Amino acid sequence: MFKKLMVFVAVMALFSSTASAFDGYVEVTNNTGYDIYYLYVSNARSDSWEEDVLGEDILEDGETVRVTVRKQKSSIFDIRAEDEDGDTYTIWEMDIAKDDLVLTLDDLD
């Protein structure tokens, strides 16, 4: 009986952690007046920035990019952009399940 209970608890833990994983996206619009060359979208619980999501692309002023995230622990993310001059714009602990992001000069670090 104890073995069956332990197996049941293990299976339930697996399903509950899978069910609570966050899959979603955030649309980032660049209204800074400058082209953005690097864009980092990292779970707020992470100790470091994830890889640049733009890769070889550039997010030109006035354009929007959709960033998809999968199997994350939560929908709370830190987002950092770096423009053509090396200036950074950082948004801390944004709930991407509720809002998209419009970057402006007011977000300049």
PDB file of N, CA and C in Angstrom:
ATOM      1  N   MET A   1       0.816  -1.193   0.000  1.00  0.00           N
ATOM      2  CA  MET A   1       0.000   0.000   0.000  1.00  0.00           C
ATOM      3  C   MET A   1       0.861   1.259   0.000  1.00  0.00           C
ATOM      4  N   PHE A   2       1.927   1.268   0.816  1.00  0.00           N
ATOM      5  CA  PHE A   2       2.808   2.426   0.901  1.00  0.00           C
ATOM      6  C   PHE A   2       3.485   2.702  -0.438  1.00  0.00           C
ATOM      7  N   LYS A   3       3.889   1.620  -1.134  1.00  0.00           N
ATOM      8  CA  LYS A   3       4.534   1.772  -2.438  1.00  0.00           C
ATOM      9  C   LYS A   3       3.581   2.424  -3.444  1.00  0.00           C
ATOM     10  N   LYS A   4       2.329   1.991  -3.462  1.00  0.00           N
ATOM     11  CA  LYS A   4       1.334   2.557  -4.375  1.00  0.00           C
ATOM     12  C   LYS A   4       1.111   4.040  -4.075  1.00  0.00           C
ATOM     13  N   LEU A   5       1.096   4.372  -2.796  1.00  0.00           N
ATOM     14  CA  LEU A   5       0.910   5.766  -2.408  1.00  0.00           C
ATOM     15  C   LEU A   5       2.090   6.614  -2.876  1.00  0.00           C
ATOM     16  N   MET A   6       3.294   6.133  -2.733  1.00  0.00           N
ATOM     17  CA  MET A   6       4.484   6.868  -3.160  1.00  0.00           C
ATOM     18  C   MET A   6       4.494   7.062  -4.677  1.00  0.00           C
ATOM     19  N   VAL A   7       4.099   6.033  -5.423  1.00  0.00           N
ATOM     20  CA  VAL A   7       4.020   6.154  -6.880  1.00  0.00           C
ATOM     21  C   VAL A   7       2.967   7.189  -7.258  1.00  0.00           C
ATOM     22  N   PHE A   8       1.826   7.154  -6.603  1.00  0.00           N
ATOM     23  CA  PHE A   8       0.761   8.118  -6.865  1.00  0.00           C
ATOM     24  C   PHE A   8       1.245   9.547  -6.596  1.00  0.00           C
ATOM     25  N   VAL A   9       1.917   9.757  -5.468  1.00  0.00           N
ATOM     26  CA  VAL A   9       2.430  11.086  -5.121  1.00  0.00           C
ATOM     27  C   VAL A   9       3.454  11.554  -6.163  1.00  0.00           C
ATOM     28  N   ALA A  10       4.326  10.675  -6.606  1.00  0.00           N
ATOM     29  CA  ALA A  10       5.334  11.037  -7.615  1.00  0.00           C
ATOM     30  C   ALA A  10       4.680  11.420  -8.941  1.00  0.00           C
ATOM     31  N   VAL A  11       3.677  10.654  -9.355  1.00  0.00           N
ATOM     32  CA  VAL A  11       2.968  10.954 -10.605  1.00  0.00           C
ATOM     33  C   VAL A  11       2.232  12.281 -10.504  1.00  0.00           C
ATOM     34  N   MET A  12       1.587  12.530  -9.398  1.00  0.00           N
ATOM     35  CA  MET A  12       0.861  13.785  -9.198  1.00  0.00           C
ATOM     36  C   MET A  12       1.822  14.976  -9.206  1.00  0.00           C
ATOM     37  N   ALA A  13       2.984  14.823  -8.613  1.00  0.00           N
ATOM     38  CA  ALA A  13       3.982  15.896  -8.604  1.00  0.00           C
ATOM     39  C   ALA A  13       4.452  16.201 -10.023  1.00  0.00           C
ATOM     40  N   LEU A  14       4.633  15.162 -10.804  1.00  0.00           N
ATOM     41  CA  LEU A  14       5.047  15.347 -12.198  1.00  0.00           C
ATOM     42  C   LEU A  14       3.990  16.106 -12.979  1.00  0.00           C
ATOM     43  N   PHE A  15       2.733  15.719 -12.857  1.00  0.00           N
ATOM     44  CA  PHE A  15       1.657  16.390 -13.582  1.00  0.00           C
ATOM     45  C   PHE A  15       1.440  17.817 -13.080  1.00  0.00           C
ATOM     46  N   SER A  16       1.550  18.039 -11.793  1.00  0.00           N
ATOM     47  CA  SER A  16       1.322  19.392 -11.273  1.00  0.00           C
ATOM     48  C   SER A  16       2.429  20.331 -11.707  1.00  0.00           C
ATOM     49  N   SER A  17       3.678  19.873 -11.789  1.00  0.00           N
ATOM     50  CA  SER A  17       4.755  20.749 -12.243  1.00  0.00           C
ATOM     51  C   SER A  17       4.642  21.011 -13.733  1.00  0.00           C
ATOM     52  N   THR A  18       4.192  20.034 -14.504  1.00  0.00           N
ATOM     53  CA  THR A  18       3.991  20.226 -15.931  1.00  0.00           C
ATOM     54  C   THR A  18       2.824  21.171 -16.179  1.00  0.00           C
ATOM     55  N   ALA A  19       1.765  21.012 -15.405  1.00  0.00           N
ATOM     56  CA  ALA A  19       0.581  21.846 -15.594  1.00  0.00           C
ATOM     57  C   ALA A  19       0.856  23.291 -15.233  1.00  0.00           C
ATOM     58  N   SER A  20       1.767  23.552 -14.323  1.00  0.00           N
ATOM     59  CA  SER A  20       2.032  24.916 -13.904  1.00  0.00           C
ATOM     60  C   SER A  20       3.087  25.606 -14.763  1.00  0.00           C
ATOM     61  N   ALA A  21       3.666  24.921 -15.719  1.00  0.00           N
ATOM     62  CA  ALA A  21       4.658  25.544 -16.596  1.00  0.00           C
ATOM     63  C   ALA A  21       3.984  26.585 -17.476  1.00  0.00           C
ATOM     64  N   PHE A  22       4.684  27.708 -17.688  1.00  0.00           N
ATOM     65  CA  PHE A  22       4.135  28.803 -18.478  1.00  0.00           C
ATOM     66  C   PHE A  22       4.648  28.737 -19.909  1.00  0.00           C
ATOM     67  N   ASP A  23       3.714  28.748 -20.865  1.00  0.00           N
ATOM     68  CA  ASP A  23       4.007  28.892 -22.285  1.00  0.00           C
ATOM     69  C   ASP A  23       3.300  30.160 -22.748  1.00  0.00           C
ATOM     70  N   GLY A  24       3.993  31.019 -23.430  1.00  0.00           N
ATOM     71  CA  GLY A  24       3.361  32.247 -23.896  1.00  0.00           C
ATOM     72  C   GLY A  24       4.302  33.065 -24.754  1.00  0.00           C
ATOM     73  N   TYR A  25       3.975  34.338 -24.883  1.00  0.00           N
ATOM     74  CA  TYR A  25       4.815  35.229 -25.676  1.00  0.00           C
ATOM     75  C   TYR A  25       4.643  36.660 -25.189  1.00  0.00           C
ATOM     76  N   VAL A  26       5.586  37.482 -25.605  1.00  0.00           N
ATOM     77  CA  VAL A  26       5.489  38.923 -25.378  1.00  0.00           C
ATOM     78  C   VAL A  26       5.831  39.604 -26.700  1.00  0.00           C
ATOM     79  N   GLU A  27       5.064  40.609 -27.051  1.00  0.00           N
ATOM     80  CA  GLU A  27       5.376  41.424 -28.216  1.00  0.00           C
ATOM     81  C   GLU A  27       6.112  42.665 -27.721  1.00  0.00           C
ATOM     82  N   VAL A  28       7.297  42.897 -28.285  1.00  0.00           N
ATOM     83  CA  VAL A  28       8.122  44.036 -27.901  1.00  0.00           C
ATOM     84  C   VAL A  28       8.137  45.016 -29.068  1.00  0.00           C
ATOM     85  N   THR A  29       7.682  46.235 -28.807  1.00  0.00           N
ATOM     86  CA  THR A  29       7.671  47.291 -29.818  1.00  0.00           C
ATOM     87  C   THR A  29       8.759  48.298 -29.476  1.00  0.00           C
ATOM     88  N   ASN A  30       9.532  48.661 -30.483  1.00  0.00           N
ATOM     89  CA  ASN A  30      10.621  49.601 -30.315  1.00  0.00           C
ATOM     90  C   ASN A  30      10.157  51.010 -30.704  1.00  0.00           C
ATOM     91  N   ASN A  31       9.922  51.845 -29.701  1.00  0.00           N
ATOM     92  CA  ASN A  31       9.597  53.253 -29.932  1.00  0.00           C
ATOM     93  C   ASN A  31      10.632  54.144 -29.269  1.00  0.00           C
ATOM     94  N   THR A  32      11.900  53.739 -29.356  1.00  0.00           N
ATOM     95  CA  THR A  32      12.984  54.482 -28.715  1.00  0.00           C
ATOM     96  C   THR A  32      13.567  55.573 -29.608  1.00  0.00           C
ATOM     97  N   GLY A  33      13.336  55.465 -30.902  1.00  0.00           N
ATOM     98  CA  GLY A  33      13.983  56.381 -31.832  1.00  0.00           C
ATOM     99  C   GLY A  33      15.298  55.830 -32.362  1.00  0.00           C
ATOM    100  N   TYR A  34      15.690  54.658 -31.873  1.00  0.00           N
ATOM    101  CA  TYR A  34      16.947  54.019 -32.281  1.00  0.00           C
ATOM    102  C   TYR A  34      16.678  52.568 -32.628  1.00  0.00           C
ATOM    103  N   ASP A  35      17.510  51.984 -33.484  1.00  0.00           N
ATOM    104  CA  ASP A  35      17.399  50.565 -33.797  1.00  0.00           C
ATOM    105  C   ASP A  35      17.968  49.747 -32.634  1.00  0.00           C
ATOM    106  N   ILE A  36      17.323  48.635 -32.336  1.00  0.00           N
ATOM    107  CA  ILE A  36      17.772  47.736 -31.270  1.00  0.00           C
ATOM    108  C   ILE A  36      18.494  46.552 -31.900  1.00  0.00           C
ATOM    109  N   TYR A  37      19.696  46.303 -31.409  1.00  0.00           N
ATOM    110  CA  TYR A  37      20.537  45.237 -31.946  1.00  0.00           C
ATOM    111  C   TYR A  37      20.514  43.973 -31.093  1.00  0.00           C
ATOM    112  N   TYR A  38      20.218  44.118 -29.808  1.00  0.00           N
ATOM    113  CA  TYR A  38      20.193  42.964 -28.908  1.00  0.00           C
ATOM    114  C   TYR A  38      18.943  43.043 -28.037  1.00  0.00           C
ATOM    115  N   LEU A  39      18.308  41.885 -27.830  1.00  0.00           N
ATOM    116  CA  LEU A  39      17.116  41.817 -26.994  1.00  0.00           C
ATOM    117  C   LEU A  39      17.187  40.539 -26.167  1.00  0.00           C
ATOM    118  N   TYR A  40      17.143  40.707 -24.851  1.00  0.00           N
ATOM    119  CA  TYR A  40      17.247  39.586 -23.921  1.00  0.00           C
ATOM    120  C   TYR A  40      15.944  39.480 -23.136  1.00  0.00           C
ATOM    121  N   VAL A  41      15.371  38.287 -23.093  1.00  0.00           N
ATOM    122  CA  VAL A  41      14.143  38.027 -22.351  1.00  0.00           C
ATOM    123  C   VAL A  41      14.431  36.837 -21.435  1.00  0.00           C
ATOM    124  N   SER A  42      14.570  37.126 -20.141  1.00  0.00           N
ATOM    125  CA  SER A  42      14.972  36.099 -19.177  1.00  0.00           C
ATOM    126  C   SER A  42      13.948  35.999 -18.066  1.00  0.00           C
ATOM    127  N   ASN A  43      13.658  34.783 -17.645  1.00  0.00           N
ATOM    128  CA  ASN A  43      12.764  34.598 -16.514  1.00  0.00           C
ATOM    129  C   ASN A  43      13.334  35.367 -15.328  1.00  0.00           C
ATOM    130  N   ALA A  44      12.471  36.058 -14.596  1.00  0.00           N
ATOM    131  CA  ALA A  44      12.926  36.898 -13.484  1.00  0.00           C
ATOM    132  C   ALA A  44      13.663  36.095 -12.420  1.00  0.00           C
ATOM    133  N   ARG A  45      13.448  34.809 -12.359  1.00  0.00           N
ATOM    134  CA  ARG A  45      14.126  33.960 -11.366  1.00  0.00           C
ATOM    135  C   ARG A  45      15.540  33.574 -11.811  1.00  0.00           C
ATOM    136  N   SER A  46      15.901  33.897 -13.049  1.00  0.00           N
ATOM    137  CA  SER A  46      17.217  33.548 -13.570  1.00  0.00           C
ATOM    138  C   SER A  46      18.279  34.490 -13.016  1.00  0.00           C
ATOM    139  N   ASP A  47      19.476  33.968 -12.818  1.00  0.00           N
ATOM    140  CA  ASP A  47      20.584  34.781 -12.314  1.00  0.00           C
ATOM    141  C   ASP A  47      21.368  35.469 -13.420  1.00  0.00           C
ATOM    142  N   SER A  48      21.054  35.157 -14.685  1.00  0.00           N
ATOM    143  CA  SER A  48      21.786  35.758 -15.798  1.00  0.00           C
ATOM    144  C   SER A  48      20.848  35.963 -16.981  1.00  0.00           C
ATOM    145  N   TRP A  49      21.287  36.762 -17.934  1.00  0.00           N
ATOM    146  CA  TRP A  49      20.499  37.014 -19.136  1.00  0.00           C
ATOM    147  C   TRP A  49      20.575  35.812 -20.063  1.00  0.00           C
ATOM    148  N   GLU A  50      19.454  35.473 -20.675  1.00  0.00           N
ATOM    149  CA  GLU A  50      19.424  34.409 -21.685  1.00  0.00           C
ATOM    150  C   GLU A  50      20.083  34.934 -22.958  1.00  0.00           C
ATOM    151  N   GLU A  51      20.122  34.107 -23.988  1.00  0.00           N
ATOM    152  CA  GLU A  51      20.725  34.516 -25.260  1.00  0.00           C
ATOM    153  C   GLU A  51      19.898  35.607 -25.933  1.00  0.00           C
ATOM    154  N   ASP A  52      20.560  36.382 -26.763  1.00  0.00           N
ATOM    155  CA  ASP A  52      19.913  37.424 -27.556  1.00  0.00           C
ATOM    156  C   ASP A  52      18.868  36.782 -28.462  1.00  0.00           C
ATOM    157  N   VAL A  53      17.608  37.213 -28.354  1.00  0.00           N
ATOM    158  CA  VAL A  53      16.530  36.600 -29.135  1.00  0.00           C
ATOM    159  C   VAL A  53      16.460  37.139 -30.562  1.00  0.00           C
ATOM    160  N   LEU A  54      17.165  38.230 -30.843  1.00  0.00           N
ATOM    161  CA  LEU A  54      17.133  38.785 -32.199  1.00  0.00           C
ATOM    162  C   LEU A  54      18.090  38.066 -33.138  1.00  0.00           C
ATOM    163  N   GLY A  55      19.138  37.482 -32.583  1.00  0.00           N
ATOM    164  CA  GLY A  55      20.124  36.817 -33.437  1.00  0.00           C
ATOM    165  C   GLY A  55      20.734  37.808 -34.406  1.00  0.00           C
ATOM    166  N   GLU A  56      20.630  37.520 -35.685  1.00  0.00           N
ATOM    167  CA  GLU A  56      21.188  38.391 -36.731  1.00  0.00           C
ATOM    168  C   GLU A  56      20.257  39.550 -37.081  1.00  0.00           C
ATOM    169  N   ASP A  57      19.023  39.507 -36.591  1.00  0.00           N
ATOM    170  CA  ASP A  57      18.030  40.533 -36.935  1.00  0.00           C
ATOM    171  C   ASP A  57      18.249  41.806 -36.121  1.00  0.00           C
ATOM    172  N   ILE A  58      17.653  42.887 -36.603  1.00  0.00           N
ATOM    173  CA  ILE A  58      17.649  44.176 -35.925  1.00  0.00           C
ATOM    174  C   ILE A  58      16.191  44.578 -35.753  1.00  0.00           C
ATOM    175  N   LEU A  59      15.844  45.047 -34.556  1.00  0.00           N
ATOM    176  CA  LEU A  59      14.500  45.558 -34.307  1.00  0.00           C
ATOM    177  C   LEU A  59      14.542  47.065 -34.557  1.00  0.00           C
ATOM    178  N   GLU A  60      14.110  47.445 -35.745  1.00  0.00           N
ATOM    179  CA  GLU A  60      14.181  48.850 -36.133  1.00  0.00           C
ATOM    180  C   GLU A  60      13.152  49.665 -35.369  1.00  0.00           C
ATOM    181  N   ASP A  61      13.426  50.962 -35.251  1.00  0.00           N
ATOM    182  CA  ASP A  61      12.502  51.860 -34.567  1.00  0.00           C
ATOM    183  C   ASP A  61      11.124  51.762 -35.211  1.00  0.00           C
ATOM    184  N   GLY A  62      10.100  51.610 -34.386  1.00  0.00           N
ATOM    185  CA  GLY A  62       8.725  51.504 -34.870  1.00  0.00           C
ATOM    186  C   GLY A  62       8.264  50.089 -35.155  1.00  0.00           C
ATOM    187  N   GLU A  63       9.181  49.122 -35.136  1.00  0.00           N
ATOM    188  CA  GLU A  63       8.823  47.732 -35.412  1.00  0.00           C
ATOM    189  C   GLU A  63       8.507  46.963 -34.134  1.00  0.00           C
ATOM    190  N   THR A  64       7.825  45.827 -34.323  1.00  0.00           N
ATOM    191  CA  THR A  64       7.448  44.943 -33.223  1.00  0.00           C
ATOM    192  C   THR A  64       7.954  43.536 -33.516  1.00  0.00           C
ATOM    193  N   VAL A  65       8.415  42.852 -32.468  1.00  0.00           N
ATOM    194  CA  VAL A  65       8.837  41.460 -32.579  1.00  0.00           C
ATOM    195  C   VAL A  65       8.099  40.661 -31.512  1.00  0.00           C
ATOM    196  N   ARG A  66       7.709  39.445 -31.857  1.00  0.00           N
ATOM    197  CA  ARG A  66       7.073  38.531 -30.898  1.00  0.00           C
ATOM    198  C   ARG A  66       8.125  37.542 -30.409  1.00  0.00           C
ATOM    199  N   VAL A  67       8.242  37.450 -29.086  1.00  0.00           N
ATOM    200  CA  VAL A  67       9.179  36.520 -28.457  1.00  0.00           C
ATOM    201  C   VAL A  67       8.368  35.462 -27.729  1.00  0.00           C
ATOM    202  N   THR A  68       8.541  34.216 -28.133  1.00  0.00           N
ATOM    203  CA  THR A  68       7.805  33.093 -27.548  1.00  0.00           C
ATOM    204  C   THR A  68       8.671  32.423 -26.488  1.00  0.00           C
ATOM    205  N   VAL A  69       8.049  32.100 -25.355  1.00  0.00           N
ATOM    206  CA  VAL A  69       8.730  31.364 -24.290  1.00  0.00           C
ATOM    207  C   VAL A  69       7.938  30.098 -23.995  1.00  0.00           C
ATOM    208  N   ARG A  70       8.644  29.050 -23.629  1.00  0.00           N
ATOM    209  CA  ARG A  70       7.998  27.766 -23.356  1.00  0.00           C
ATOM    210  C   ARG A  70       8.582  27.146 -22.091  1.00  0.00           C
ATOM    211  N   LYS A  71       7.702  26.447 -21.386  1.00  0.00           N
ATOM    212  CA  LYS A  71       8.085  25.658 -20.215  1.00  0.00           C
ATOM    213  C   LYS A  71       8.860  26.472 -19.190  1.00  0.00           C
ATOM    214  N   GLN A  72       8.361  27.670 -18.911  1.00  0.00           N
ATOM    215  CA  GLN A  72       8.988  28.532 -17.909  1.00  0.00           C
ATOM    216  C   GLN A  72       8.307  28.341 -16.559  1.00  0.00           C
ATOM    217  N   LYS A  73       8.994  28.677 -15.495  1.00  0.00           N
ATOM    218  CA  LYS A  73       8.461  28.512 -14.140  1.00  0.00           C
ATOM    219  C   LYS A  73       7.366  29.520 -13.842  1.00  0.00           C
ATOM    220  N   SER A  74       7.413  30.675 -14.506  1.00  0.00           N
ATOM    221  CA  SER A  74       6.405  31.704 -14.281  1.00  0.00           C
ATOM    222  C   SER A  74       6.320  32.601 -15.511  1.00  0.00           C
ATOM    223  N   SER A  75       5.386  33.545 -15.481  1.00  0.00           N
ATOM    224  CA  SER A  75       5.223  34.495 -16.581  1.00  0.00           C
ATOM    225  C   SER A  75       5.896  35.821 -16.275  1.00  0.00           C
ATOM    226  N   ILE A  76       6.694  35.878 -15.223  1.00  0.00           N
ATOM    227  CA  ILE A  76       7.384  37.104 -14.832  1.00  0.00           C
ATOM    228  C   ILE A  76       8.790  37.089 -15.435  1.00  0.00           C
ATOM    229  N   PHE A  77       9.086  38.123 -16.248  1.00  0.00           N
ATOM    230  CA  PHE A  77      10.347  38.174 -16.977  1.00  0.00           C
ATOM    231  C   PHE A  77      11.031  39.521 -16.822  1.00  0.00           C
ATOM    232  N   ASP A  78      12.353  39.506 -16.934  1.00  0.00           N
ATOM    233  CA  ASP A  78      13.156  40.708 -17.066  1.00  0.00           C
ATOM    234  C   ASP A  78      13.508  40.831 -18.550  1.00  0.00           C
ATOM    235  N   ILE A  79      13.428  42.044 -19.070  1.00  0.00           N
ATOM    236  CA  ILE A  79      13.684  42.261 -20.497  1.00  0.00           C
ATOM    237  C   ILE A  79      14.694  43.392 -20.639  1.00  0.00           C
ATOM    238  N   ARG A  80      15.733  43.153 -21.430  1.00  0.00           N
ATOM    239  CA  ARG A  80      16.746  44.175 -21.687  1.00  0.00           C
ATOM    240  C   ARG A  80      16.984  44.290 -23.188  1.00  0.00           C
ATOM    241  N   ALA A  81      17.011  45.527 -23.657  1.00  0.00           N
ATOM    242  CA  ALA A  81      17.323  45.813 -25.051  1.00  0.00           C
ATOM    243  C   ALA A  81      18.572  46.687 -25.099  1.00  0.00           C
ATOM    244  N   GLU A  82      19.346  46.519 -26.150  1.00  0.00           N
ATOM    245  CA  GLU A  82      20.525  47.358 -26.361  1.00  0.00           C
ATOM    246  C   GLU A  82      20.451  47.946 -27.756  1.00  0.00           C
ATOM    247  N   ASP A  83      20.564  49.275 -27.831  1.00  0.00           N
ATOM    248  CA  ASP A  83      20.414  49.941 -29.124  1.00  0.00           C
ATOM    249  C   ASP A  83      21.741  50.088 -29.858  1.00  0.00           C
ATOM    250  N   GLU A  84      21.677  50.743 -31.000  1.00  0.00           N
ATOM    251  CA  GLU A  84      22.828  50.895 -31.887  1.00  0.00           C
ATOM    252  C   GLU A  84      23.980  51.652 -31.243  1.00  0.00           C
ATOM    253  N   ASP A  85      23.693  52.488 -30.230  1.00  0.00           N
ATOM    254  CA  ASP A  85      24.735  53.248 -29.543  1.00  0.00           C
ATOM    255  C   ASP A  85      25.258  52.538 -28.304  1.00  0.00           C
ATOM    256  N   GLY A  86      24.721  51.352 -28.004  1.00  0.00           N
ATOM    257  CA  GLY A  86      25.129  50.613 -26.818  1.00  0.00           C
ATOM    258  C   GLY A  86      24.339  50.987 -25.573  1.00  0.00           C
ATOM    259  N   ASP A  87      23.345  51.869 -25.712  1.00  0.00           N
ATOM    260  CA  ASP A  87      22.483  52.217 -24.578  1.00  0.00           C
ATOM    261  C   ASP A  87      21.549  51.053 -24.279  1.00  0.00           C
ATOM    262  N   THR A  88      21.251  50.840 -22.990  1.00  0.00           N
ATOM    263  CA  THR A  88      20.375  49.737 -22.606  1.00  0.00           C
ATOM    264  C   THR A  88      19.071  50.261 -22.007  1.00  0.00           C
ATOM    265  N   TYR A  89      18.053  49.443 -22.180  1.00  0.00           N
ATOM    266  CA  TYR A  89      16.709  49.692 -21.665  1.00  0.00           C
ATOM    267  C   TYR A  89      16.311  48.418 -20.933  1.00  0.00           C
ATOM    268  N   THR A  90      16.050  48.518 -19.631  1.00  0.00           N
ATOM    269  CA  THR A  90      15.769  47.315 -18.854  1.00  0.00           C
ATOM    270  C   THR A  90      14.427  47.448 -18.145  1.00  0.00           C
ATOM    271  N   ILE A  91      13.607  46.426 -18.302  1.00  0.00           N
ATOM    272  CA  ILE A  91      12.327  46.313 -17.614  1.00  0.00           C
ATOM    273  C   ILE A  91      12.439  45.112 -16.684  1.00  0.00           C
ATOM    274  N   TRP A  92      12.217  45.343 -15.399  1.00  0.00           N
ATOM    275  CA  TRP A  92      12.347  44.288 -14.400  1.00  0.00           C
ATOM    276  C   TRP A  92      10.974  43.736 -14.026  1.00  0.00           C
ATOM    277  N   GLU A  93      10.892  42.429 -13.878  1.00  0.00           N
ATOM    278  CA  GLU A  93       9.728  41.716 -13.343  1.00  0.00           C
ATOM    279  C   GLU A  93       8.414  42.095 -14.024  1.00  0.00           C
ATOM    280  N   MET A  94       8.400  41.956 -15.325  1.00  0.00           N
ATOM    281  CA  MET A  94       7.192  42.222 -16.106  1.00  0.00           C
ATOM    282  C   MET A  94       6.407  40.928 -16.285  1.00  0.00           C
ATOM    283  N   ASP A  95       5.110  40.981 -16.047  1.00  0.00           N
ATOM    284  CA  ASP A  95       4.249  39.814 -16.246  1.00  0.00           C
ATOM    285  C   ASP A  95       3.810  39.806 -17.710  1.00  0.00           C
ATOM    286  N   ILE A  96       4.469  38.974 -18.514  1.00  0.00           N
ATOM    287  CA  ILE A  96       4.185  38.958 -19.954  1.00  0.00           C
ATOM    288  C   ILE A  96       2.867  38.265 -20.278  1.00  0.00           C
ATOM    289  N   ALA A  97       2.258  37.610 -19.288  1.00  0.00           N
ATOM    290  CA  ALA A  97       0.937  37.020 -19.502  1.00  0.00           C
ATOM    291  C   ALA A  97      -0.131  38.112 -19.536  1.00  0.00           C
ATOM    292  N   LYS A  98       0.176  39.277 -18.968  1.00  0.00           N
ATOM    293  CA  LYS A  98      -0.798  40.358 -18.875  1.00  0.00           C
ATOM    294  C   LYS A  98      -0.554  41.493 -19.861  1.00  0.00           C
ATOM    295  N   ASP A  99       0.727  41.750 -20.198  1.00  0.00           N
ATOM    296  CA  ASP A  99       1.061  42.927 -20.991  1.00  0.00           C
ATOM    297  C   ASP A  99       2.110  42.631 -22.042  1.00  0.00           C
ATOM    298  N   ASP A 100       2.051  43.420 -23.116  1.00  0.00           N
ATOM    299  CA  ASP A 100       3.149  43.476 -24.074  1.00  0.00           C
ATOM    300  C   ASP A 100       3.988  44.683 -23.693  1.00  0.00           C
ATOM    301  N   LEU A 101       5.122  44.864 -24.361  1.00  0.00           N
ATOM    302  CA  LEU A 101       6.060  45.905 -23.977  1.00  0.00           C
ATOM    303  C   LEU A 101       6.279  46.880 -25.134  1.00  0.00           C
ATOM    304  N   VAL A 102       6.162  48.165 -24.830  1.00  0.00           N
ATOM    305  CA  VAL A 102       6.535  49.226 -25.763  1.00  0.00           C
ATOM    306  C   VAL A 102       7.713  49.954 -25.127  1.00  0.00           C
ATOM    307  N   LEU A 103       8.895  49.806 -25.732  1.00  0.00           N
ATOM    308  CA  LEU A 103      10.084  50.459 -25.218  1.00  0.00           C
ATOM    309  C   LEU A 103      10.147  51.895 -25.727  1.00  0.00           C
ATOM    310  N   THR A 104      10.421  52.831 -24.820  1.00  0.00           N
ATOM    311  CA  THR A 104      10.581  54.242 -25.169  1.00  0.00           C
ATOM    312  C   THR A 104      11.848  54.762 -24.489  1.00  0.00           C
ATOM    313  N   LEU A 105      12.187  56.001 -24.761  1.00  0.00           N
ATOM    314  CA  LEU A 105      13.348  56.612 -24.106  1.00  0.00           C
ATOM    315  C   LEU A 105      13.173  56.701 -22.592  1.00  0.00           C
ATOM    316  N   ASP A 106      11.933  56.669 -22.109  1.00  0.00           N
ATOM    317  CA  ASP A 106      11.696  56.671 -20.665  1.00  0.00           C
ATOM    318  C   ASP A 106      12.248  55.416 -19.993  1.00  0.00           C
ATOM    319  N   ASP A 107      12.479  54.352 -20.759  1.00  0.00           N
ATOM    320  CA  ASP A 107      13.001  53.088 -20.217  1.00  0.00           C
ATOM    321  C   ASP A 107      14.521  53.019 -20.239  1.00  0.00           C
ATOM    322  N   LEU A 108      15.176  54.080 -20.712  1.00  0.00           N
ATOM    323  CA  LEU A 108      16.630  54.111 -20.810  1.00  0.00           C
ATOM    324  C   LEU A 108      17.258  53.948 -19.426  1.00  0.00           C
ATOM    325  N   ASP A 109      18.246  53.054 -19.311  1.00  0.00           N
ATOM    326  CA  ASP A 109      18.928  52.831 -18.020  1.00  0.00           C
ATOM    327  C   ASP A 109      19.775  54.036 -17.654  1.00  0.00           C
TER     328      ASP A 109
END
